Amino acid sequence: MMQTLTLSRLTKRYRDTEALRDVSLDVAPGERVALLGHNGAGKSTLMKIILGLISFDSGEVQVLGAAPGSGPARAGVAYLPESVAFHPALTGLEQIRHYLRLRGEPARLASELLARVGLADAGRRRIGTYSKGMRQRVGLAQALIGHPRLLVLDEPTSGLDPVSRRDFYALLDGLAAEGASVLLSSHALTEVEARTDRLVILSQGRLVTQGSLSDLRRQADLPIMLHVTPRTGASGRLAEALPQGRMNGTALHMSCGQDEKLATLSRIAGLGEIVSDVDVTPPSLEDIYSHFSRRDGQ
């Protein structure tokens, strides 16, 4: 199966600054990939190269099997910037109809596109009256024109309320299920933690690591936190049985390494009647991101 996007040893310099260095990355059809990194890590430069907006110094880039910015690539790629801008005097329907005509699509599809992003009731209002979140949804409707095979999204949930964010990711899930690939950058780590297939961490222009959340947890090898709740009156016995833990309030708190998790849980289960419950808290994406950033000297 041909990859939707292929980057091989991509390097980009701005005078004396190396914005990207030897970045290699593939995105498969239907895959949702989150691009993470601090400001200046190279995320925006990478997206501009994929879109064909700027050139690169060395390496190889294939977008839908073609050169970035070429006709075939442009026809199958959609882009949503962090801050969208539309004519304030136009209504939502008028704006989307305009973009549909530019793409050679029927203008009658505007109502359907606005409905998909939750703006069915606001289509006849002027965009100048829209909130930032509503304007962002107009941008998403515009990005969906022509059934794109690759969506490049830069901080796409900026300005959206929690319900709209949930609906947005549900829409991405549906597009991915239909075979569209998604590459998005985000600082909202708790959002992308559960709604993407693969995470890519950039730092100082280098790809530090990539993989699923479980892959990154294994690579980081950060401790797992366990919260063990004793049965009534058994706090003392639990503390004696698990001396490496710390009793705090109604639960005993302890940690273990990734490779010790099963053995530790088995030991806790073997305590039988003195244990009421146990909660396992694995490292969050924020913990993992901080780990790899510190390792890279940030």
C-alpha atoms as a PDB file:
ATOM      1  CA  MET A   1       0.000   0.000   0.000  1.00  0.00           C
ATOM      2  CA  MET A   2       1.395   3.390  -1.013  1.00  0.00           C
ATOM      3  CA  GLN A   3       2.031   5.747   1.894  1.00  0.00           C
ATOM      4  CA  THR A   4       0.026   8.961   1.873  1.00  0.00           C
ATOM      5  CA  LEU A   5       3.072  10.920   3.018  1.00  0.00           C
ATOM      6  CA  THR A   6       6.758   9.992   2.981  1.00  0.00           C
ATOM      7  CA  LEU A   7       9.606  12.116   4.322  1.00  0.00           C
ATOM      8  CA  SER A   8      13.160  10.806   4.045  1.00  0.00           C
ATOM      9  CA  ARG A   9      16.139  12.554   5.689  1.00  0.00           C
ATOM     10  CA  LEU A  10      14.428  15.928   5.264  1.00  0.00           C
ATOM     11  CA  THR A  11      16.640  18.922   6.086  1.00  0.00           C
ATOM     12  CA  LYS A  12      15.773  22.628   5.960  1.00  0.00           C
ATOM     13  CA  ARG A  13      18.017  25.556   6.881  1.00  0.00           C
ATOM     14  CA  TYR A  14      17.306  29.242   7.363  1.00  0.00           C
ATOM     15  CA  ARG A  15      20.744  30.861   6.967  1.00  0.00           C
ATOM     16  CA  ASP A  16      22.652  29.654  10.044  1.00  0.00           C
ATOM     17  CA  THR A  17      19.617  27.962  11.655  1.00  0.00           C
ATOM     18  CA  GLU A  18      18.835  24.310  10.970  1.00  0.00           C
ATOM     19  CA  ALA A  19      15.029  24.179  11.244  1.00  0.00           C
ATOM     20  CA  LEU A  20      14.822  20.471  10.319  1.00  0.00           C
ATOM     21  CA  ARG A  21      17.594  17.876  10.320  1.00  0.00           C
ATOM     22  CA  ASP A  22      17.345  14.375   8.827  1.00  0.00           C
ATOM     23  CA  VAL A  23      13.623  13.980   9.556  1.00  0.00           C
ATOM     24  CA  SER A  24      12.131  10.726   8.246  1.00  0.00           C
ATOM     25  CA  LEU A  25       8.435   9.960   8.610  1.00  0.00           C
ATOM     26  CA  ASP A  26       5.704   7.956   6.879  1.00  0.00           C
ATOM     27  CA  VAL A  27       1.942   8.405   7.217  1.00  0.00           C
ATOM     28  CA  ALA A  28      -0.275   5.557   6.024  1.00  0.00           C
ATOM     29  CA  PRO A  29      -3.798   5.833   4.600  1.00  0.00           C
ATOM     30  CA  GLY A  30      -6.332   6.153   7.422  1.00  0.00           C
ATOM     31  CA  GLU A  31      -3.666   6.918  10.026  1.00  0.00           C
ATOM     32  CA  ARG A  32      -3.998   9.779  12.538  1.00  0.00           C
ATOM     33  CA  VAL A  33      -0.595  11.177  13.471  1.00  0.00           C
ATOM     34  CA  ALA A  34       0.016  13.888  16.073  1.00  0.00           C
ATOM     35  CA  LEU A  35       3.041  16.143  15.651  1.00  0.00           C
ATOM     36  CA  LEU A  36       4.285  17.366  19.035  1.00  0.00           C
ATOM     37  CA  GLY A  37       7.033  19.791  19.936  1.00  0.00           C
ATOM     38  CA  HIS A  38       7.877  23.068  21.625  1.00  0.00           C
ATOM     39  CA  ASN A  39       7.591  26.386  19.798  1.00  0.00           C
ATOM     40  CA  GLY A  40      10.420  26.468  17.285  1.00  0.00           C
ATOM     41  CA  ALA A  41      10.779  22.683  17.163  1.00  0.00           C
ATOM     42  CA  GLY A  42      10.142  22.639  13.402  1.00  0.00           C
ATOM     43  CA  LYS A  43       6.457  21.679  13.211  1.00  0.00           C
ATOM     44  CA  SER A  44       5.339  24.672  11.122  1.00  0.00           C
ATOM     45  CA  THR A  45       8.332  24.357   8.790  1.00  0.00           C
ATOM     46  CA  LEU A  46       7.527  20.685   8.263  1.00  0.00           C
ATOM     47  CA  MET A  47       3.900  21.448   7.419  1.00  0.00           C
ATOM     48  CA  LYS A  48       4.842  24.243   4.996  1.00  0.00           C
ATOM     49  CA  ILE A  49       7.175  21.867   3.150  1.00  0.00           C
ATOM     50  CA  ILE A  50       4.457  19.207   2.899  1.00  0.00           C
ATOM     51  CA  LEU A  51       2.051  21.807   1.504  1.00  0.00           C
ATOM     52  CA  GLY A  52       4.617  22.967  -1.047  1.00  0.00           C
ATOM     53  CA  LEU A  53       4.749  26.482   0.383  1.00  0.00           C
ATOM     54  CA  ILE A  54       8.515  26.462   0.974  1.00  0.00           C
ATOM     55  CA  SER A  55      11.422  24.502  -0.461  1.00  0.00           C
ATOM     56  CA  PHE A  56      13.795  22.212   1.433  1.00  0.00           C
ATOM     57  CA  ASP A  57      17.546  21.790   1.224  1.00  0.00           C
ATOM     58  CA  SER A  58      17.972  18.021   1.097  1.00  0.00           C
ATOM     59  CA  GLY A  59      16.082  14.788   1.499  1.00  0.00           C
ATOM     60  CA  GLU A  60      12.965  13.502  -0.214  1.00  0.00           C
ATOM     61  CA  VAL A  61       9.270  14.350   0.185  1.00  0.00           C
ATOM     62  CA  GLN A  62       6.415  12.462  -1.456  1.00  0.00           C
ATOM     63  CA  VAL A  63       2.831  13.639  -0.974  1.00  0.00           C
ATOM     64  CA  LEU A  64       0.300  11.191  -2.417  1.00  0.00           C
ATOM     65  CA  GLY A  65       3.102   9.853  -4.586  1.00  0.00           C
ATOM     66  CA  ALA A  66       3.896  13.281  -6.040  1.00  0.00           C
ATOM     67  CA  ALA A  67       6.090  16.278  -5.278  1.00  0.00           C
ATOM     68  CA  PRO A  68       4.746  18.664  -2.620  1.00  0.00           C
ATOM     69  CA  GLY A  69       2.917  21.597  -4.176  1.00  0.00           C
ATOM     70  CA  SER A  70       2.351  19.772  -7.481  1.00  0.00           C
ATOM     71  CA  GLY A  71      -1.088  19.484  -9.014  1.00  0.00           C
ATOM     72  CA  PRO A  72      -1.773  15.915  -7.836  1.00  0.00           C
ATOM     73  CA  ALA A  73      -0.586  16.738  -4.308  1.00  0.00           C
ATOM     74  CA  ARG A  74      -2.663  19.914  -4.055  1.00  0.00           C
ATOM     75  CA  ALA A  75      -5.749  18.114  -5.331  1.00  0.00           C
ATOM     76  CA  GLY A  76      -5.654  15.610  -2.489  1.00  0.00           C
ATOM     77  CA  VAL A  77      -4.406  17.706   0.437  1.00  0.00           C
ATOM     78  CA  ALA A  78      -6.393  19.979   2.751  1.00  0.00           C
ATOM     79  CA  TYR A  79      -4.934  22.444   5.249  1.00  0.00           C
ATOM     80  CA  LEU A  80      -6.386  24.106   8.330  1.00  0.00           C
ATOM     81  CA  PRO A  81      -4.192  26.784   9.969  1.00  0.00           C
ATOM     82  CA  GLU A  82      -4.320  27.672  13.647  1.00  0.00           C
ATOM     83  CA  SER A  83      -5.905  31.081  12.969  1.00  0.00           C
ATOM     84  CA  VAL A  84      -8.299  31.155  10.039  1.00  0.00           C
ATOM     85  CA  ALA A  85      -9.403  34.371   8.310  1.00  0.00           C
ATOM     86  CA  PHE A  86     -12.565  34.835   6.262  1.00  0.00           C
ATOM     87  CA  HIS A  87     -14.391  37.846   4.871  1.00  0.00           C
ATOM     88  CA  PRO A  88     -16.518  39.137   7.769  1.00  0.00           C
ATOM     89  CA  ALA A  89     -19.294  40.395   5.488  1.00  0.00           C
ATOM     90  CA  LEU A  90     -19.940  36.971   3.946  1.00  0.00           C
ATOM     91  CA  THR A  91     -22.211  34.407   5.544  1.00  0.00           C
ATOM     92  CA  GLY A  92     -20.919  30.947   6.318  1.00  0.00           C
ATOM     93  CA  LEU A  93     -22.823  29.542   3.340  1.00  0.00           C
ATOM     94  CA  GLU A  94     -21.509  32.212   0.959  1.00  0.00           C
ATOM     95  CA  GLN A  95     -17.921  31.596   2.041  1.00  0.00           C
ATOM     96  CA  ILE A  96     -18.102  27.823   1.631  1.00  0.00           C
ATOM     97  CA  ARG A  97     -19.918  28.157  -1.715  1.00  0.00           C
ATOM     98  CA  HIS A  98     -17.047  30.354  -2.887  1.00  0.00           C
ATOM     99  CA  TYR A  99     -14.465  27.717  -1.984  1.00  0.00           C
ATOM    100  CA  LEU A 100     -16.558  24.954  -3.533  1.00  0.00           C
ATOM    101  CA  ARG A 101     -16.599  26.837  -6.853  1.00  0.00           C
ATOM    102  CA  LEU A 102     -12.806  27.342  -6.653  1.00  0.00           C
ATOM    103  CA  ARG A 103     -12.391  23.575  -6.269  1.00  0.00           C
ATOM    104  CA  GLY A 104     -14.834  22.833  -9.090  1.00  0.00           C
ATOM    105  CA  GLU A 105     -17.389  21.321  -6.697  1.00  0.00           C
ATOM    106  CA  PRO A 106     -21.180  21.991  -6.663  1.00  0.00           C
ATOM    107  CA  ALA A 107     -22.049  25.025  -4.505  1.00  0.00           C
ATOM    108  CA  ARG A 108     -25.118  23.180  -3.196  1.00  0.00           C
ATOM    109  CA  LEU A 109     -22.804  21.088  -0.983  1.00  0.00           C
ATOM    110  CA  ALA A 110     -22.189  24.085   1.313  1.00  0.00           C
ATOM    111  CA  SER A 111     -25.104  23.326   3.638  1.00  0.00           C
ATOM    112  CA  GLU A 112     -24.003  19.710   4.068  1.00  0.00           C
ATOM    113  CA  LEU A 113     -20.414  20.728   4.875  1.00  0.00           C
ATOM    114  CA  LEU A 114     -21.511  23.290   7.472  1.00  0.00           C
ATOM    115  CA  ALA A 115     -23.834  20.724   9.034  1.00  0.00           C
ATOM    116  CA  ARG A 116     -20.913  18.276   9.370  1.00  0.00           C
ATOM    117  CA  VAL A 117     -19.019  20.807  11.506  1.00  0.00           C
ATOM    118  CA  GLY A 118     -22.021  21.846  13.608  1.00  0.00           C
ATOM    119  CA  LEU A 119     -22.878  25.129  11.870  1.00  0.00           C
ATOM    120  CA  ALA A 120     -26.152  24.187  10.187  1.00  0.00           C
ATOM    121  CA  ASP A 121     -28.072  26.866  12.115  1.00  0.00           C
ATOM    122  CA  ALA A 122     -25.476  29.609  11.613  1.00  0.00           C
ATOM    123  CA  GLY A 123     -24.920  29.306   7.868  1.00  0.00           C
ATOM    124  CA  ARG A 124     -26.939  32.424   6.991  1.00  0.00           C
ATOM    125  CA  ARG A 125     -25.244  34.619   9.582  1.00  0.00           C
ATOM    126  CA  ARG A 126     -22.320  36.858   8.641  1.00  0.00           C
ATOM    127  CA  ILE A 127     -18.948  35.426   9.622  1.00  0.00           C
ATOM    128  CA  GLY A 128     -18.144  38.726  11.341  1.00  0.00           C
ATOM    129  CA  THR A 129     -20.634  37.719  14.052  1.00  0.00           C
ATOM    130  CA  TYR A 130     -19.018  34.296  14.606  1.00  0.00           C
ATOM    131  CA  SER A 131     -16.909  33.413  17.636  1.00  0.00           C
ATOM    132  CA  LYS A 132     -13.328  32.195  17.121  1.00  0.00           C
ATOM    133  CA  GLY A 133     -14.481  28.607  17.570  1.00  0.00           C
ATOM    134  CA  MET A 134     -17.181  29.032  14.934  1.00  0.00           C
ATOM    135  CA  ARG A 135     -14.684  30.523  12.475  1.00  0.00           C
ATOM    136  CA  GLN A 136     -12.423  27.550  13.127  1.00  0.00           C
ATOM    137  CA  ARG A 137     -15.288  25.242  12.201  1.00  0.00           C
ATOM    138  CA  VAL A 138     -15.824  27.171   8.956  1.00  0.00           C
ATOM    139  CA  GLY A 139     -12.156  26.493   8.258  1.00  0.00           C
ATOM    140  CA  LEU A 140     -12.679  22.805   8.890  1.00  0.00           C
ATOM    141  CA  ALA A 141     -15.684  22.755   6.545  1.00  0.00           C
ATOM    142  CA  GLN A 142     -13.514  24.372   3.881  1.00  0.00           C
ATOM    143  CA  ALA A 143     -10.797  21.760   4.479  1.00  0.00           C
ATOM    144  CA  LEU A 144     -13.281  18.941   3.880  1.00  0.00           C
ATOM    145  CA  ILE A 145     -14.093  20.078   0.333  1.00  0.00           C
ATOM    146  CA  GLY A 146     -13.236  17.486  -2.293  1.00  0.00           C
ATOM    147  CA  HIS A 147     -12.786  14.505   0.053  1.00  0.00           C
ATOM    148  CA  PRO A 148      -9.082  15.111   0.796  1.00  0.00           C
ATOM    149  CA  ARG A 149      -6.779  12.107   1.220  1.00  0.00           C
ATOM    150  CA  LEU A 150      -4.449  13.989   3.568  1.00  0.00           C
ATOM    151  CA  LEU A 151      -5.497  16.613   6.117  1.00  0.00           C
ATOM    152  CA  VAL A 152      -2.757  18.837   7.554  1.00  0.00           C
ATOM    153  CA  LEU A 153      -4.114  20.526  10.677  1.00  0.00           C
ATOM    154  CA  ASP A 154      -2.215  23.131  12.721  1.00  0.00           C
ATOM    155  CA  GLU A 155      -3.649  23.463  16.255  1.00  0.00           C
ATOM    156  CA  PRO A 156      -7.109  22.612  14.840  1.00  0.00           C
ATOM    157  CA  THR A 157      -9.051  22.793  18.118  1.00  0.00           C
ATOM    158  CA  SER A 158      -7.837  26.282  19.028  1.00  0.00           C
ATOM    159  CA  GLY A 159     -10.843  28.252  20.279  1.00  0.00           C
ATOM    160  CA  LEU A 160     -13.208  25.285  20.382  1.00  0.00           C
ATOM    161  CA  ASP A 161     -15.224  24.519  23.504  1.00  0.00           C
ATOM    162  CA  PRO A 162     -15.026  20.997  25.021  1.00  0.00           C
ATOM    163  CA  VAL A 163     -18.142  19.728  23.233  1.00  0.00           C
ATOM    164  CA  SER A 164     -16.950  21.086  19.886  1.00  0.00           C
ATOM    165  CA  ARG A 165     -13.535  19.481  20.461  1.00  0.00           C
ATOM    166  CA  ARG A 166     -15.168  16.126  21.086  1.00  0.00           C
ATOM    167  CA  ASP A 167     -17.254  16.498  17.924  1.00  0.00           C
ATOM    168  CA  PHE A 168     -14.172  17.545  15.965  1.00  0.00           C
ATOM    169  CA  TYR A 169     -12.239  14.406  16.904  1.00  0.00           C
ATOM    170  CA  ALA A 170     -15.279  12.259  16.192  1.00  0.00           C
ATOM    171  CA  LEU A 171     -15.308  13.778  12.705  1.00  0.00           C
ATOM    172  CA  LEU A 172     -11.608  12.978  12.273  1.00  0.00           C
ATOM    173  CA  ASP A 173     -12.295   9.403  13.394  1.00  0.00           C
ATOM    174  CA  GLY A 174     -14.882   9.092  10.646  1.00  0.00           C
ATOM    175  CA  LEU A 175     -12.588  10.536   7.986  1.00  0.00           C
ATOM    176  CA  ALA A 176      -9.778   8.183   9.012  1.00  0.00           C
ATOM    177  CA  ALA A 177     -12.178   5.231   8.861  1.00  0.00           C
ATOM    178  CA  GLU A 178     -12.894   6.239   5.254  1.00  0.00           C
ATOM    179  CA  GLY A 179      -9.160   6.144   4.451  1.00  0.00           C
ATOM    180  CA  ALA A 180      -8.104   9.780   4.886  1.00  0.00           C
ATOM    181  CA  SER A 181      -4.780  10.414   6.621  1.00  0.00           C
ATOM    182  CA  VAL A 182      -4.503  13.084   9.305  1.00  0.00           C
ATOM    183  CA  LEU A 183      -1.355  14.947  10.368  1.00  0.00           C
ATOM    184  CA  LEU A 184      -2.052  17.427  13.141  1.00  0.00           C
ATOM    185  CA  SER A 185       0.052  19.518  15.473  1.00  0.00           C
ATOM    186  CA  SER A 186      -1.205  20.311  18.945  1.00  0.00           C
ATOM    187  CA  HIS A 187      -0.093  21.531  22.348  1.00  0.00           C
ATOM    188  CA  ALA A 188      -3.234  19.996  23.902  1.00  0.00           C
ATOM    189  CA  LEU A 189      -1.587  16.723  24.872  1.00  0.00           C
ATOM    190  CA  THR A 190      -4.566  15.306  26.762  1.00  0.00           C
ATOM    191  CA  GLU A 191      -6.645  15.582  23.567  1.00  0.00           C
ATOM    192  CA  VAL A 192      -4.312  13.767  21.201  1.00  0.00           C
ATOM    193  CA  GLU A 193      -3.354  11.142  23.799  1.00  0.00           C
ATOM    194  CA  ALA A 194      -6.455   9.058  23.106  1.00  0.00           C
ATOM    195  CA  ARG A 195      -7.492  10.237  19.627  1.00  0.00           C
ATOM    196  CA  THR A 196      -4.438   9.546  17.462  1.00  0.00           C
ATOM    197  CA  ASP A 197      -2.737   6.372  16.260  1.00  0.00           C
ATOM    198  CA  ARG A 198       0.847   7.586  16.427  1.00  0.00           C
ATOM    199  CA  LEU A 199       2.742  10.367  18.167  1.00  0.00           C
ATOM    200  CA  VAL A 200       5.775  12.111  16.700  1.00  0.00           C
ATOM    201  CA  ILE A 201       7.942  14.318  18.932  1.00  0.00           C
ATOM    202  CA  LEU A 202      10.137  16.986  17.333  1.00  0.00           C
ATOM    203  CA  SER A 203      12.783  18.911  19.245  1.00  0.00           C
ATOM    204  CA  GLN A 204      15.230  21.439  17.818  1.00  0.00           C
ATOM    205  CA  GLY A 205      14.440  20.295  14.305  1.00  0.00           C
ATOM    206  CA  ARG A 206      15.095  16.607  14.991  1.00  0.00           C
ATOM    207  CA  LEU A 207      12.611  13.758  15.253  1.00  0.00           C
ATOM    208  CA  VAL A 208      13.312  12.587  18.807  1.00  0.00           C
ATOM    209  CA  THR A 209      10.940   9.622  18.872  1.00  0.00           C
ATOM    210  CA  GLN A 210       7.708   8.294  17.408  1.00  0.00           C
ATOM    211  CA  GLY A 211       5.240   5.496  18.033  1.00  0.00           C
ATOM    212  CA  SER A 212       1.931   4.688  19.680  1.00  0.00           C
ATOM    213  CA  LEU A 213       1.353   5.839  23.243  1.00  0.00           C
ATOM    214  CA  SER A 214       2.185   2.353  24.539  1.00  0.00           C
ATOM    215  CA  ASP A 215       5.374   2.347  22.422  1.00  0.00           C
ATOM    216  CA  LEU A 216       6.486   5.665  23.907  1.00  0.00           C
ATOM    217  CA  ARG A 217       5.707   4.474  27.428  1.00  0.00           C
ATOM    218  CA  ARG A 218       8.001   1.501  26.906  1.00  0.00           C
ATOM    219  CA  GLN A 219      10.718   3.702  25.425  1.00  0.00           C
ATOM    220  CA  ALA A 220      10.536   6.272  28.234  1.00  0.00           C
ATOM    221  CA  ASP A 221      10.413   3.542  30.912  1.00  0.00           C
ATOM    222  CA  LEU A 222       8.842   5.907  33.436  1.00  0.00           C
ATOM    223  CA  PRO A 223       7.423   4.475  36.682  1.00  0.00           C
ATOM    224  CA  ILE A 224       3.806   3.399  37.004  1.00  0.00           C
ATOM    225  CA  MET A 225       1.858   4.696  39.998  1.00  0.00           C
ATOM    226  CA  LEU A 226      -0.313   2.298  42.012  1.00  0.00           C
ATOM    227  CA  HIS A 227      -2.981   3.369  44.504  1.00  0.00           C
ATOM    228  CA  VAL A 228      -4.035   0.506  46.758  1.00  0.00           C
ATOM    229  CA  THR A 229      -7.158   0.887  48.901  1.00  0.00           C
ATOM    230  CA  PRO A 230      -7.277  -1.328  52.036  1.00  0.00           C
ATOM    231  CA  ARG A 231     -10.422  -2.837  53.440  1.00  0.00           C
ATOM    232  CA  THR A 232     -11.824  -1.176  56.534  1.00  0.00           C
ATOM    233  CA  GLY A 233      -9.474  -1.635  59.458  1.00  0.00           C
ATOM    234  CA  ALA A 234      -6.688  -3.177  57.352  1.00  0.00           C
ATOM    235  CA  SER A 235      -4.542  -0.079  56.729  1.00  0.00           C
ATOM    236  CA  GLY A 236      -1.810  -1.178  59.127  1.00  0.00           C
ATOM    237  CA  ARG A 237      -1.591  -4.675  57.691  1.00  0.00           C
ATOM    238  CA  LEU A 238      -1.444  -3.290  54.137  1.00  0.00           C
ATOM    239  CA  ALA A 239       1.374  -0.897  55.084  1.00  0.00           C
ATOM    240  CA  GLU A 240       3.324  -3.802  56.605  1.00  0.00           C
ATOM    241  CA  ALA A 241       2.776  -5.976  53.537  1.00  0.00           C
ATOM    242  CA  LEU A 242       3.874  -3.223  51.149  1.00  0.00           C
ATOM    243  CA  PRO A 243       6.608  -1.329  53.011  1.00  0.00           C
ATOM    244  CA  GLN A 244       7.828   0.363  49.836  1.00  0.00           C
ATOM    245  CA  GLY A 245       4.516   2.251  49.657  1.00  0.00           C
ATOM    246  CA  ARG A 246       3.297   5.332  51.493  1.00  0.00           C
ATOM    247  CA  MET A 247      -0.053   5.420  53.288  1.00  0.00           C
ATOM    248  CA  ASN A 248      -1.807   8.690  52.572  1.00  0.00           C
ATOM    249  CA  GLY A 249      -5.373   9.139  53.731  1.00  0.00           C
ATOM    250  CA  THR A 250      -7.416   6.126  52.714  1.00  0.00           C
ATOM    251  CA  ALA A 251      -4.976   4.581  50.225  1.00  0.00           C
ATOM    252  CA  LEU A 252      -1.401   3.360  49.951  1.00  0.00           C
ATOM    253  CA  HIS A 253       0.608   4.914  47.124  1.00  0.00           C
ATOM    254  CA  MET A 254       3.573   3.214  45.482  1.00  0.00           C
ATOM    255  CA  SER A 255       5.390   3.059  42.158  1.00  0.00           C
ATOM    256  CA  CYS A 256       7.032   0.356  40.077  1.00  0.00           C
ATOM    257  CA  GLY A 257       8.894   0.047  36.787  1.00  0.00           C
ATOM    258  CA  GLN A 258       7.196  -0.908  33.535  1.00  0.00           C
ATOM    259  CA  ASP A 259       8.730  -4.397  33.633  1.00  0.00           C
ATOM    260  CA  GLU A 260       7.628  -4.865  37.252  1.00  0.00           C
ATOM    261  CA  LYS A 261       3.955  -4.045  36.715  1.00  0.00           C
ATOM    262  CA  LEU A 262       2.537  -7.554  36.362  1.00  0.00           C
ATOM    263  CA  ALA A 263       4.597  -8.978  39.231  1.00  0.00           C
ATOM    264  CA  THR A 264       3.601  -6.078  41.500  1.00  0.00           C
ATOM    265  CA  LEU A 265      -0.086  -6.434  40.667  1.00  0.00           C
ATOM    266  CA  SER A 266       0.141 -10.175  41.279  1.00  0.00           C
ATOM    267  CA  ARG A 267       1.703  -9.507  44.675  1.00  0.00           C
ATOM    268  CA  ILE A 268      -1.082  -7.064  45.570  1.00  0.00           C
ATOM    269  CA  ALA A 269      -3.751  -9.519  44.420  1.00  0.00           C
ATOM    270  CA  GLY A 270      -2.148 -12.150  46.620  1.00  0.00           C
ATOM    271  CA  LEU A 271      -2.831 -10.030  49.709  1.00  0.00           C
ATOM    272  CA  GLY A 272      -6.443 -11.142  49.440  1.00  0.00           C
ATOM    273  CA  GLU A 273      -8.952  -9.790  51.912  1.00  0.00           C
ATOM    274  CA  ILE A 274      -6.910  -6.808  53.134  1.00  0.00           C
ATOM    275  CA  VAL A 275      -7.145  -5.137  49.707  1.00  0.00           C
ATOM    276  CA  SER A 276     -10.376  -3.451  48.632  1.00  0.00           C
ATOM    277  CA  ASP A 277      -9.271  -1.957  45.319  1.00  0.00           C
ATOM    278  CA  VAL A 278      -6.239  -0.932  43.259  1.00  0.00           C
ATOM    279  CA  ASP A 279      -5.904   1.828  40.665  1.00  0.00           C
ATOM    280  CA  VAL A 280      -3.102   1.834  38.118  1.00  0.00           C
ATOM    281  CA  THR A 281      -1.950   5.195  36.712  1.00  0.00           C
ATOM    282  CA  PRO A 282       0.473   4.853  33.784  1.00  0.00           C
ATOM    283  CA  PRO A 283       2.664   7.790  32.704  1.00  0.00           C
ATOM    284  CA  SER A 284       0.631  10.389  30.831  1.00  0.00           C
ATOM    285  CA  LEU A 285       1.596  11.785  27.440  1.00  0.00           C
ATOM    286  CA  GLU A 286       2.611  14.981  29.224  1.00  0.00           C
ATOM    287  CA  ASP A 287       5.041  12.971  31.388  1.00  0.00           C
ATOM    288  CA  ILE A 288       6.428  11.220  28.320  1.00  0.00           C
ATOM    289  CA  TYR A 289       6.765  14.443  26.335  1.00  0.00           C
ATOM    290  CA  SER A 290       8.601  16.106  29.237  1.00  0.00           C
ATOM    291  CA  HIS A 291      10.898  13.095  29.526  1.00  0.00           C
ATOM    292  CA  PHE A 292      11.984  13.154  25.889  1.00  0.00           C
ATOM    293  CA  SER A 293      12.282  16.962  25.872  1.00  0.00           C
ATOM    294  CA  ARG A 294      14.574  16.899  28.916  1.00  0.00           C
ATOM    295  CA  ARG A 295      16.608  14.076  27.391  1.00  0.00           C
ATOM    296  CA  ASP A 296      17.109  16.247  24.326  1.00  0.00           C
ATOM    297  CA  GLY A 297      18.461  19.098  26.437  1.00  0.00           C
ATOM    298  CA  GLN A 298      15.353  21.260  26.614  1.00  0.00           C
END
